[in-house]
N, C-alpha and C. Protein backbone atom coordinates (compact mmCIF):
# COMPACT_ATOMS: atom_id res chain seq x y z
N UNK A 1 -176.82 -130.64 -47.99
CA UNK A 1 -177.11 -129.27 -47.63
C UNK A 1 -178.54 -129.10 -47.19
N UNK A 2 -178.96 -127.88 -47.01
CA UNK A 2 -180.30 -127.60 -46.50
C UNK A 2 -181.39 -127.67 -47.56
N UNK A 3 -181.03 -127.92 -48.81
CA UNK A 3 -182.04 -127.90 -49.87
C UNK A 3 -182.09 -129.17 -50.67
N UNK A 4 -182.71 -129.05 -51.83
CA UNK A 4 -182.89 -130.18 -52.73
C UNK A 4 -182.14 -129.90 -54.03
N UNK A 5 -181.24 -130.82 -54.39
CA UNK A 5 -180.48 -130.73 -55.63
C UNK A 5 -181.15 -131.63 -56.66
N UNK A 6 -181.31 -131.13 -57.88
CA UNK A 6 -181.88 -131.94 -58.95
C UNK A 6 -180.95 -131.93 -60.16
N UNK A 7 -180.95 -133.03 -60.88
CA UNK A 7 -180.17 -133.14 -62.11
C UNK A 7 -180.97 -133.96 -63.11
N UNK A 8 -181.03 -133.48 -64.34
CA UNK A 8 -181.75 -134.19 -65.39
C UNK A 8 -180.90 -134.20 -66.65
N UNK A 9 -181.06 -135.25 -67.43
CA UNK A 9 -180.40 -135.37 -68.72
C UNK A 9 -181.41 -135.91 -69.72
N UNK A 10 -181.43 -135.33 -70.91
CA UNK A 10 -182.31 -135.82 -71.97
C UNK A 10 -181.50 -136.01 -73.24
N UNK A 11 -181.75 -137.10 -73.90
CA UNK A 11 -181.13 -137.40 -75.19
C UNK A 11 -182.24 -137.33 -76.22
N UNK A 12 -182.19 -136.31 -77.06
CA UNK A 12 -183.23 -136.09 -78.06
C UNK A 12 -182.65 -136.44 -79.42
N UNK A 13 -183.26 -137.37 -80.13
CA UNK A 13 -182.75 -137.84 -81.42
C UNK A 13 -183.69 -137.43 -82.54
N UNK A 14 -183.15 -136.81 -83.57
CA UNK A 14 -183.92 -136.44 -84.75
C UNK A 14 -183.95 -137.63 -85.70
N UNK A 15 -185.08 -138.31 -85.79
CA UNK A 15 -185.19 -139.49 -86.65
C UNK A 15 -185.21 -139.14 -88.13
N UNK A 16 -185.70 -137.94 -88.47
CA UNK A 16 -185.80 -137.54 -89.88
C UNK A 16 -184.47 -137.10 -90.46
N UNK A 17 -183.49 -136.81 -89.62
CA UNK A 17 -182.17 -136.38 -90.10
C UNK A 17 -181.12 -136.84 -89.08
N UNK A 18 -180.88 -138.13 -89.01
CA UNK A 18 -180.03 -138.68 -87.96
C UNK A 18 -178.56 -138.28 -88.07
N UNK A 19 -178.11 -137.87 -89.26
CA UNK A 19 -176.70 -137.47 -89.40
C UNK A 19 -176.51 -135.96 -89.35
N UNK A 20 -177.59 -135.19 -89.20
CA UNK A 20 -177.48 -133.75 -89.03
C UNK A 20 -177.14 -132.96 -90.28
N UNK A 21 -177.39 -133.50 -91.47
CA UNK A 21 -176.99 -132.81 -92.70
C UNK A 21 -178.10 -131.95 -93.30
N UNK A 22 -179.34 -132.06 -92.83
CA UNK A 22 -180.43 -131.24 -93.34
C UNK A 22 -180.63 -130.05 -92.41
N UNK A 23 -180.24 -128.85 -92.83
CA UNK A 23 -180.33 -127.69 -91.93
C UNK A 23 -181.76 -127.25 -91.63
N UNK A 24 -182.74 -127.82 -92.33
CA UNK A 24 -184.13 -127.43 -92.11
C UNK A 24 -184.83 -128.36 -91.12
N UNK A 25 -184.12 -129.38 -90.64
CA UNK A 25 -184.64 -130.27 -89.61
C UNK A 25 -183.70 -130.16 -88.41
N UNK A 26 -184.27 -129.90 -87.25
CA UNK A 26 -183.45 -129.74 -86.04
C UNK A 26 -182.60 -130.98 -85.80
N UNK A 27 -181.32 -130.76 -85.53
CA UNK A 27 -180.42 -131.87 -85.17
C UNK A 27 -180.82 -132.42 -83.80
N UNK A 28 -180.34 -133.63 -83.53
CA UNK A 28 -180.52 -134.18 -82.20
C UNK A 28 -179.78 -133.31 -81.18
N UNK A 29 -180.20 -133.42 -79.93
CA UNK A 29 -179.59 -132.60 -78.87
C UNK A 29 -179.40 -133.41 -77.60
N UNK A 30 -178.43 -133.00 -76.83
CA UNK A 30 -178.29 -133.41 -75.43
C UNK A 30 -178.77 -132.23 -74.61
N UNK A 31 -179.58 -132.50 -73.61
CA UNK A 31 -180.11 -131.43 -72.77
C UNK A 31 -179.81 -131.76 -71.31
N UNK A 32 -179.35 -130.75 -70.58
CA UNK A 32 -178.93 -130.91 -69.19
C UNK A 32 -179.65 -129.88 -68.33
N UNK A 33 -180.03 -130.28 -67.14
CA UNK A 33 -180.65 -129.36 -66.21
C UNK A 33 -180.13 -129.65 -64.80
N UNK A 34 -179.59 -128.63 -64.17
CA UNK A 34 -179.15 -128.72 -62.77
C UNK A 34 -179.94 -127.69 -61.98
N UNK A 35 -180.39 -128.07 -60.80
CA UNK A 35 -181.16 -127.15 -59.99
C UNK A 35 -180.89 -127.34 -58.51
N UNK A 36 -181.13 -126.28 -57.76
CA UNK A 36 -181.01 -126.36 -56.31
C UNK A 36 -182.05 -125.43 -55.71
N UNK A 37 -182.80 -125.92 -54.74
CA UNK A 37 -183.82 -125.12 -54.08
C UNK A 37 -183.70 -125.31 -52.57
N UNK A 38 -183.82 -124.21 -51.83
CA UNK A 38 -183.72 -124.30 -50.38
C UNK A 38 -184.51 -123.17 -49.73
N UNK A 39 -184.88 -123.43 -48.48
CA UNK A 39 -185.55 -122.41 -47.69
C UNK A 39 -184.46 -121.61 -46.98
N UNK A 40 -184.18 -120.41 -47.52
CA UNK A 40 -183.09 -119.59 -47.00
C UNK A 40 -183.44 -118.98 -45.64
N UNK A 41 -184.71 -118.76 -45.41
CA UNK A 41 -185.22 -118.29 -44.12
C UNK A 41 -186.65 -118.81 -44.00
N UNK A 42 -187.22 -118.66 -42.83
CA UNK A 42 -188.59 -119.15 -42.65
C UNK A 42 -189.52 -118.49 -43.68
N UNK A 43 -190.25 -119.30 -44.44
CA UNK A 43 -191.20 -118.85 -45.47
C UNK A 43 -190.54 -118.04 -46.59
N UNK A 44 -189.25 -118.27 -46.82
CA UNK A 44 -188.54 -117.62 -47.94
C UNK A 44 -187.72 -118.68 -48.67
N UNK A 45 -188.11 -118.97 -49.90
CA UNK A 45 -187.50 -120.03 -50.69
C UNK A 45 -186.71 -119.45 -51.86
N UNK A 46 -185.54 -120.04 -52.11
CA UNK A 46 -184.69 -119.64 -53.24
C UNK A 46 -184.49 -120.85 -54.13
N UNK A 47 -184.67 -120.67 -55.42
CA UNK A 47 -184.45 -121.75 -56.37
C UNK A 47 -183.58 -121.26 -57.52
N UNK A 48 -182.56 -122.04 -57.86
CA UNK A 48 -181.66 -121.73 -58.98
C UNK A 48 -181.67 -122.89 -59.95
N UNK A 49 -181.60 -122.59 -61.25
CA UNK A 49 -181.48 -123.64 -62.27
C UNK A 49 -180.51 -123.21 -63.34
N UNK A 50 -179.81 -124.21 -63.88
CA UNK A 50 -178.89 -124.01 -65.01
C UNK A 50 -179.27 -125.05 -66.05
N UNK A 51 -179.61 -124.59 -67.26
CA UNK A 51 -180.11 -125.47 -68.31
C UNK A 51 -179.24 -125.29 -69.55
N UNK A 52 -178.90 -126.40 -70.22
CA UNK A 52 -178.08 -126.36 -71.43
C UNK A 52 -178.70 -127.25 -72.50
N UNK A 53 -178.78 -126.73 -73.73
CA UNK A 53 -179.11 -127.52 -74.90
C UNK A 53 -177.85 -127.57 -75.76
N UNK A 54 -177.41 -128.78 -76.11
CA UNK A 54 -176.19 -128.95 -76.89
C UNK A 54 -176.54 -129.70 -78.18
N UNK A 55 -176.38 -129.01 -79.32
CA UNK A 55 -176.69 -129.64 -80.60
C UNK A 55 -175.62 -130.66 -80.97
N UNK A 56 -176.06 -131.85 -81.36
CA UNK A 56 -175.13 -132.87 -81.85
C UNK A 56 -174.95 -132.69 -83.35
N UNK A 57 -173.89 -133.28 -83.91
CA UNK A 57 -173.57 -133.19 -85.35
C UNK A 57 -173.48 -131.74 -85.82
N UNK A 58 -172.88 -130.90 -84.98
CA UNK A 58 -172.82 -129.47 -85.28
C UNK A 58 -171.99 -129.16 -86.52
N UNK A 59 -170.90 -129.88 -86.72
CA UNK A 59 -170.08 -129.65 -87.91
C UNK A 59 -170.86 -129.96 -89.19
N UNK A 60 -171.65 -131.03 -89.19
CA UNK A 60 -172.48 -131.37 -90.36
C UNK A 60 -173.54 -130.29 -90.57
N UNK A 61 -174.10 -129.77 -89.49
CA UNK A 61 -175.07 -128.68 -89.58
C UNK A 61 -174.45 -127.46 -90.25
N UNK A 62 -173.24 -127.06 -89.80
CA UNK A 62 -172.57 -125.90 -90.39
C UNK A 62 -172.22 -126.13 -91.86
N UNK A 63 -171.73 -127.33 -92.19
CA UNK A 63 -171.32 -127.63 -93.57
C UNK A 63 -172.49 -127.59 -94.54
N UNK A 64 -173.71 -127.83 -94.06
CA UNK A 64 -174.88 -127.88 -94.94
C UNK A 64 -175.81 -126.69 -94.79
N UNK A 65 -175.41 -125.70 -94.03
CA UNK A 65 -176.23 -124.51 -93.83
C UNK A 65 -176.21 -123.66 -95.10
N UNK A 66 -177.38 -123.28 -95.63
CA UNK A 66 -177.41 -122.45 -96.85
C UNK A 66 -176.74 -121.09 -96.62
N UNK A 67 -176.17 -120.56 -97.66
CA UNK A 67 -175.51 -119.25 -97.60
C UNK A 67 -176.52 -118.19 -97.18
N UNK A 68 -176.13 -117.36 -96.23
CA UNK A 68 -176.99 -116.28 -95.77
C UNK A 68 -177.98 -116.67 -94.69
N UNK A 69 -178.09 -117.95 -94.38
CA UNK A 69 -179.03 -118.40 -93.34
C UNK A 69 -178.48 -118.05 -91.96
N UNK A 70 -179.37 -117.78 -91.03
CA UNK A 70 -178.97 -117.49 -89.66
C UNK A 70 -178.46 -118.77 -89.00
N UNK A 71 -177.29 -118.69 -88.45
CA UNK A 71 -176.64 -119.85 -87.83
C UNK A 71 -177.03 -119.96 -86.36
N UNK A 72 -177.46 -121.15 -85.96
CA UNK A 72 -177.69 -121.43 -84.54
C UNK A 72 -176.36 -121.70 -83.87
N UNK A 73 -176.31 -121.46 -82.59
CA UNK A 73 -175.12 -121.78 -81.82
C UNK A 73 -175.17 -123.25 -81.40
N UNK A 74 -174.02 -123.82 -81.16
CA UNK A 74 -173.96 -125.23 -80.77
C UNK A 74 -174.57 -125.47 -79.40
N UNK A 75 -174.40 -124.52 -78.50
CA UNK A 75 -174.98 -124.65 -77.17
C UNK A 75 -175.82 -123.43 -76.84
N UNK A 76 -176.83 -123.66 -76.03
CA UNK A 76 -177.69 -122.59 -75.52
C UNK A 76 -177.80 -122.81 -74.03
N UNK A 77 -177.51 -121.78 -73.25
CA UNK A 77 -177.53 -121.87 -71.80
C UNK A 77 -178.59 -120.92 -71.25
N UNK A 78 -179.24 -121.34 -70.19
CA UNK A 78 -180.24 -120.52 -69.52
C UNK A 78 -180.02 -120.65 -68.02
N UNK A 79 -180.01 -119.51 -67.34
CA UNK A 79 -179.90 -119.48 -65.89
C UNK A 79 -181.18 -118.85 -65.35
N UNK A 80 -181.80 -119.50 -64.37
CA UNK A 80 -183.02 -118.94 -63.81
C UNK A 80 -182.94 -118.87 -62.29
N UNK A 81 -183.67 -117.90 -61.75
CA UNK A 81 -183.73 -117.66 -60.31
C UNK A 81 -185.18 -117.45 -59.92
N UNK A 82 -185.61 -118.14 -58.87
CA UNK A 82 -186.96 -117.94 -58.33
C UNK A 82 -186.84 -117.66 -56.84
N UNK A 83 -187.46 -116.56 -56.40
CA UNK A 83 -187.53 -116.19 -54.99
C UNK A 83 -189.00 -116.14 -54.59
N UNK A 84 -189.34 -116.75 -53.47
CA UNK A 84 -190.72 -116.74 -53.01
C UNK A 84 -190.74 -116.46 -51.52
N UNK A 85 -191.51 -115.44 -51.13
CA UNK A 85 -191.67 -115.10 -49.72
C UNK A 85 -193.15 -115.16 -49.36
N UNK A 86 -193.45 -115.80 -48.24
CA UNK A 86 -194.81 -115.86 -47.72
C UNK A 86 -194.86 -115.02 -46.45
N UNK A 87 -195.77 -114.06 -46.43
CA UNK A 87 -195.86 -113.11 -45.32
C UNK A 87 -197.30 -113.02 -44.82
N UNK A 88 -197.51 -112.32 -43.72
CA UNK A 88 -198.84 -112.08 -43.16
C UNK A 88 -199.62 -113.39 -43.00
N UNK A 89 -199.07 -114.30 -42.23
CA UNK A 89 -199.66 -115.63 -42.01
C UNK A 89 -199.86 -116.38 -43.33
N UNK A 90 -198.97 -116.18 -44.25
CA UNK A 90 -198.95 -116.79 -45.57
C UNK A 90 -200.11 -116.36 -46.46
N UNK A 91 -200.78 -115.25 -46.13
CA UNK A 91 -201.82 -114.71 -47.00
C UNK A 91 -201.23 -113.85 -48.11
N UNK A 92 -200.04 -113.32 -47.90
CA UNK A 92 -199.36 -112.52 -48.93
C UNK A 92 -198.19 -113.31 -49.49
N UNK A 93 -198.20 -113.50 -50.79
CA UNK A 93 -197.11 -114.22 -51.47
C UNK A 93 -196.42 -113.25 -52.42
N UNK A 94 -195.12 -113.04 -52.18
CA UNK A 94 -194.30 -112.22 -53.06
C UNK A 94 -193.38 -113.17 -53.83
N UNK A 95 -193.34 -112.99 -55.14
CA UNK A 95 -192.58 -113.92 -55.98
C UNK A 95 -191.77 -113.15 -57.02
N UNK A 96 -190.60 -113.67 -57.30
CA UNK A 96 -189.71 -113.10 -58.32
C UNK A 96 -189.17 -114.26 -59.15
N UNK A 97 -189.36 -114.20 -60.45
CA UNK A 97 -188.78 -115.20 -61.34
C UNK A 97 -187.98 -114.45 -62.39
N UNK A 98 -186.74 -114.87 -62.62
CA UNK A 98 -185.93 -114.25 -63.68
C UNK A 98 -185.20 -115.33 -64.45
N UNK A 99 -184.96 -115.02 -65.71
CA UNK A 99 -184.43 -115.96 -66.69
C UNK A 99 -183.39 -115.18 -67.49
N UNK A 100 -182.21 -115.73 -67.65
CA UNK A 100 -181.12 -115.02 -68.33
C UNK A 100 -180.37 -115.99 -69.22
N UNK A 101 -180.07 -115.58 -70.46
CA UNK A 101 -179.24 -116.38 -71.36
C UNK A 101 -177.91 -115.66 -71.56
N UNK A 102 -176.81 -116.25 -71.10
CA UNK A 102 -175.52 -115.57 -71.15
C UNK A 102 -175.05 -115.21 -72.57
N UNK A 103 -175.29 -116.07 -73.55
CA UNK A 103 -174.76 -115.83 -74.90
C UNK A 103 -175.34 -114.56 -75.54
N UNK A 104 -176.65 -114.37 -75.41
CA UNK A 104 -177.25 -113.22 -76.09
C UNK A 104 -177.90 -112.22 -75.13
N UNK A 105 -177.67 -112.37 -73.85
CA UNK A 105 -178.12 -111.42 -72.83
C UNK A 105 -179.63 -111.23 -72.81
N UNK A 106 -180.38 -112.26 -73.17
CA UNK A 106 -181.83 -112.22 -73.04
C UNK A 106 -182.21 -112.23 -71.57
N UNK A 107 -183.23 -111.45 -71.23
CA UNK A 107 -183.69 -111.36 -69.85
C UNK A 107 -185.22 -111.43 -69.86
N UNK A 108 -185.75 -112.21 -68.94
CA UNK A 108 -187.18 -112.22 -68.67
C UNK A 108 -187.33 -112.13 -67.15
N UNK A 109 -188.11 -111.16 -66.69
CA UNK A 109 -188.33 -110.97 -65.26
C UNK A 109 -189.82 -110.91 -64.99
N UNK A 110 -190.26 -111.65 -63.97
CA UNK A 110 -191.68 -111.69 -63.63
C UNK A 110 -191.85 -111.55 -62.11
N UNK A 111 -192.05 -110.33 -61.62
CA UNK A 111 -192.39 -110.14 -60.20
C UNK A 111 -193.91 -110.26 -60.02
N UNK A 112 -194.32 -110.81 -58.87
CA UNK A 112 -195.75 -110.95 -58.57
C UNK A 112 -195.99 -110.71 -57.09
N UNK A 113 -197.16 -110.17 -56.79
CA UNK A 113 -197.64 -110.07 -55.41
C UNK A 113 -199.07 -110.57 -55.40
N UNK A 114 -199.36 -111.56 -54.55
CA UNK A 114 -200.70 -112.14 -54.48
C UNK A 114 -201.14 -112.08 -53.02
N UNK A 115 -202.34 -111.53 -52.82
CA UNK A 115 -202.88 -111.44 -51.46
C UNK A 115 -204.20 -112.20 -51.39
N UNK A 116 -204.30 -113.15 -50.47
CA UNK A 116 -205.52 -113.92 -50.25
C UNK A 116 -206.36 -113.18 -49.21
N UNK A 117 -207.46 -112.62 -49.66
CA UNK A 117 -208.33 -111.84 -48.78
C UNK A 117 -209.08 -112.76 -47.82
N UNK A 118 -209.65 -113.83 -48.34
CA UNK A 118 -210.32 -114.85 -47.53
C UNK A 118 -210.26 -116.16 -48.29
N UNK A 119 -211.09 -117.13 -47.90
CA UNK A 119 -211.06 -118.45 -48.56
C UNK A 119 -211.50 -118.40 -50.01
N UNK A 120 -212.17 -117.34 -50.42
CA UNK A 120 -212.71 -117.25 -51.78
C UNK A 120 -212.01 -116.20 -52.65
N UNK A 121 -211.66 -115.07 -52.08
CA UNK A 121 -211.17 -113.94 -52.87
C UNK A 121 -209.67 -113.75 -52.73
N UNK A 122 -209.03 -113.42 -53.85
CA UNK A 122 -207.62 -113.03 -53.83
C UNK A 122 -207.39 -111.98 -54.91
N UNK A 123 -206.36 -111.19 -54.71
CA UNK A 123 -205.97 -110.18 -55.70
C UNK A 123 -204.49 -110.38 -56.01
N UNK A 124 -204.13 -110.04 -57.23
CA UNK A 124 -202.74 -110.21 -57.66
C UNK A 124 -202.35 -109.07 -58.59
N UNK A 125 -201.10 -108.66 -58.48
CA UNK A 125 -200.52 -107.70 -59.40
C UNK A 125 -199.15 -108.24 -59.78
N UNK A 126 -198.77 -108.01 -61.02
CA UNK A 126 -197.48 -108.52 -61.47
C UNK A 126 -197.04 -107.86 -62.75
N UNK A 127 -195.94 -108.33 -63.28
CA UNK A 127 -195.40 -107.77 -64.52
C UNK A 127 -194.64 -108.85 -65.27
N UNK A 128 -194.52 -108.67 -66.56
CA UNK A 128 -193.68 -109.50 -67.42
C UNK A 128 -192.77 -108.54 -68.17
N UNK A 129 -191.47 -108.64 -67.94
CA UNK A 129 -190.52 -107.72 -68.57
C UNK A 129 -189.51 -108.52 -69.38
N UNK A 130 -189.41 -108.18 -70.67
CA UNK A 130 -188.49 -108.83 -71.59
C UNK A 130 -187.46 -107.81 -72.05
N UNK A 131 -186.21 -108.23 -72.22
CA UNK A 131 -185.18 -107.33 -72.76
C UNK A 131 -183.96 -108.13 -73.18
N UNK A 132 -183.12 -107.51 -73.95
CA UNK A 132 -181.80 -108.05 -74.26
C UNK A 132 -180.89 -106.94 -74.74
N UNK A 133 -181.05 -105.77 -74.18
CA UNK A 133 -180.22 -104.64 -74.60
C UNK A 133 -180.49 -104.32 -76.06
N UNK A 134 -179.44 -104.16 -76.82
CA UNK A 134 -179.58 -103.86 -78.25
C UNK A 134 -179.21 -105.05 -79.12
N UNK A 135 -179.23 -106.25 -78.58
CA UNK A 135 -178.82 -107.46 -79.29
C UNK A 135 -180.00 -108.07 -80.04
N UNK A 136 -180.68 -107.29 -80.91
CA UNK A 136 -181.90 -107.74 -81.57
C UNK A 136 -181.68 -108.93 -82.50
N UNK A 137 -180.50 -109.06 -83.12
CA UNK A 137 -180.30 -110.11 -84.11
C UNK A 137 -180.12 -111.48 -83.48
N UNK A 138 -179.75 -111.55 -82.24
CA UNK A 138 -179.49 -112.83 -81.59
C UNK A 138 -180.37 -113.00 -80.36
N UNK A 139 -181.65 -112.63 -80.50
CA UNK A 139 -182.56 -112.63 -79.35
C UNK A 139 -183.48 -113.83 -79.37
N UNK A 140 -183.69 -114.42 -78.22
CA UNK A 140 -184.75 -115.41 -78.06
C UNK A 140 -185.96 -114.70 -77.46
N UNK A 141 -185.83 -114.24 -76.23
CA UNK A 141 -186.93 -113.54 -75.57
C UNK A 141 -186.87 -112.02 -75.76
N UNK A 142 -185.68 -111.48 -75.98
CA UNK A 142 -185.53 -110.04 -76.12
C UNK A 142 -186.33 -109.47 -77.27
N UNK A 143 -186.64 -110.29 -78.26
CA UNK A 143 -187.45 -109.81 -79.38
C UNK A 143 -188.86 -109.44 -78.91
N UNK A 144 -189.22 -109.86 -77.71
CA UNK A 144 -190.54 -109.56 -77.15
C UNK A 144 -190.54 -108.33 -76.26
N UNK A 145 -189.45 -107.57 -76.23
CA UNK A 145 -189.34 -106.51 -75.24
C UNK A 145 -190.43 -105.44 -75.37
N UNK A 146 -191.03 -105.32 -76.53
CA UNK A 146 -192.12 -104.35 -76.67
C UNK A 146 -193.45 -104.96 -76.23
N UNK A 147 -193.42 -106.20 -75.77
CA UNK A 147 -194.60 -106.86 -75.23
C UNK A 147 -194.56 -106.92 -73.70
N UNK A 148 -193.61 -106.24 -73.08
CA UNK A 148 -193.57 -106.20 -71.62
C UNK A 148 -194.88 -105.60 -71.12
N UNK A 149 -195.32 -106.02 -69.92
CA UNK A 149 -196.62 -105.57 -69.45
C UNK A 149 -196.71 -105.62 -67.93
N UNK A 150 -197.72 -104.95 -67.44
CA UNK A 150 -198.11 -105.00 -66.03
C UNK A 150 -199.54 -105.49 -66.00
N UNK A 151 -199.88 -106.35 -65.06
CA UNK A 151 -201.23 -106.89 -65.01
C UNK A 151 -201.75 -106.91 -63.59
N UNK A 152 -203.06 -106.98 -63.48
CA UNK A 152 -203.73 -107.14 -62.19
C UNK A 152 -204.85 -108.15 -62.34
N UNK A 153 -205.21 -108.77 -61.24
CA UNK A 153 -206.23 -109.81 -61.31
C UNK A 153 -206.98 -109.87 -59.98
N UNK A 154 -208.28 -110.07 -60.08
CA UNK A 154 -209.12 -110.37 -58.93
C UNK A 154 -209.69 -111.75 -59.18
N UNK A 155 -209.54 -112.65 -58.21
CA UNK A 155 -209.98 -114.03 -58.41
C UNK A 155 -210.96 -114.44 -57.32
N UNK A 156 -212.04 -115.06 -57.77
CA UNK A 156 -213.00 -115.69 -56.86
C UNK A 156 -212.91 -117.19 -57.08
N UNK A 157 -212.66 -117.94 -56.02
CA UNK A 157 -212.56 -119.40 -56.09
C UNK A 157 -213.66 -120.01 -55.24
N UNK A 158 -214.22 -121.08 -55.73
CA UNK A 158 -215.26 -121.76 -54.96
C UNK A 158 -215.10 -123.27 -55.14
N UNK A 159 -215.57 -123.98 -54.18
CA UNK A 159 -215.55 -125.45 -54.24
C UNK A 159 -216.99 -125.92 -54.31
N UNK A 160 -217.25 -126.73 -55.29
CA UNK A 160 -218.60 -127.26 -55.46
C UNK A 160 -218.69 -128.68 -54.93
N UNK A 161 -219.86 -129.10 -54.60
CA UNK A 161 -220.06 -130.46 -54.13
C UNK A 161 -221.16 -131.13 -54.92
N UNK A 162 -221.18 -132.43 -54.83
CA UNK A 162 -222.22 -133.19 -55.54
C UNK A 162 -223.27 -133.64 -54.55
């Protein structure tokens, strides 16, 4: 196709609890990442990723979990989207990054606009927005929803020589 496909696999082994019976030590995991990025139009790039963490020895984890403890799920999935547009002779960069977890409806959205005034000065405005509806008990990022923010930045860059 017109883009780049990526695939990664990681095998993470917990040496301190190889059989998964200690609920206070993270079990080993298989981790998978699939991605695809392409230039959908001139100076407009789209990137998608699908990430999965799969706990091994899950039955042993459940059997040894203390009563009343919060149970982790066997799998955790994350879907992310990145959009990047370069405009005005590539001096203006508009960017959108979003992250979504299907199981608990966690959302993280980060829009940005960066304008390069000249070789030294640039300005940027953006936001960080966290949410997960009313699913407070099963939140990864949604617990940060009261930390959502808007920011601005003025940057001066210089190159020094010896």
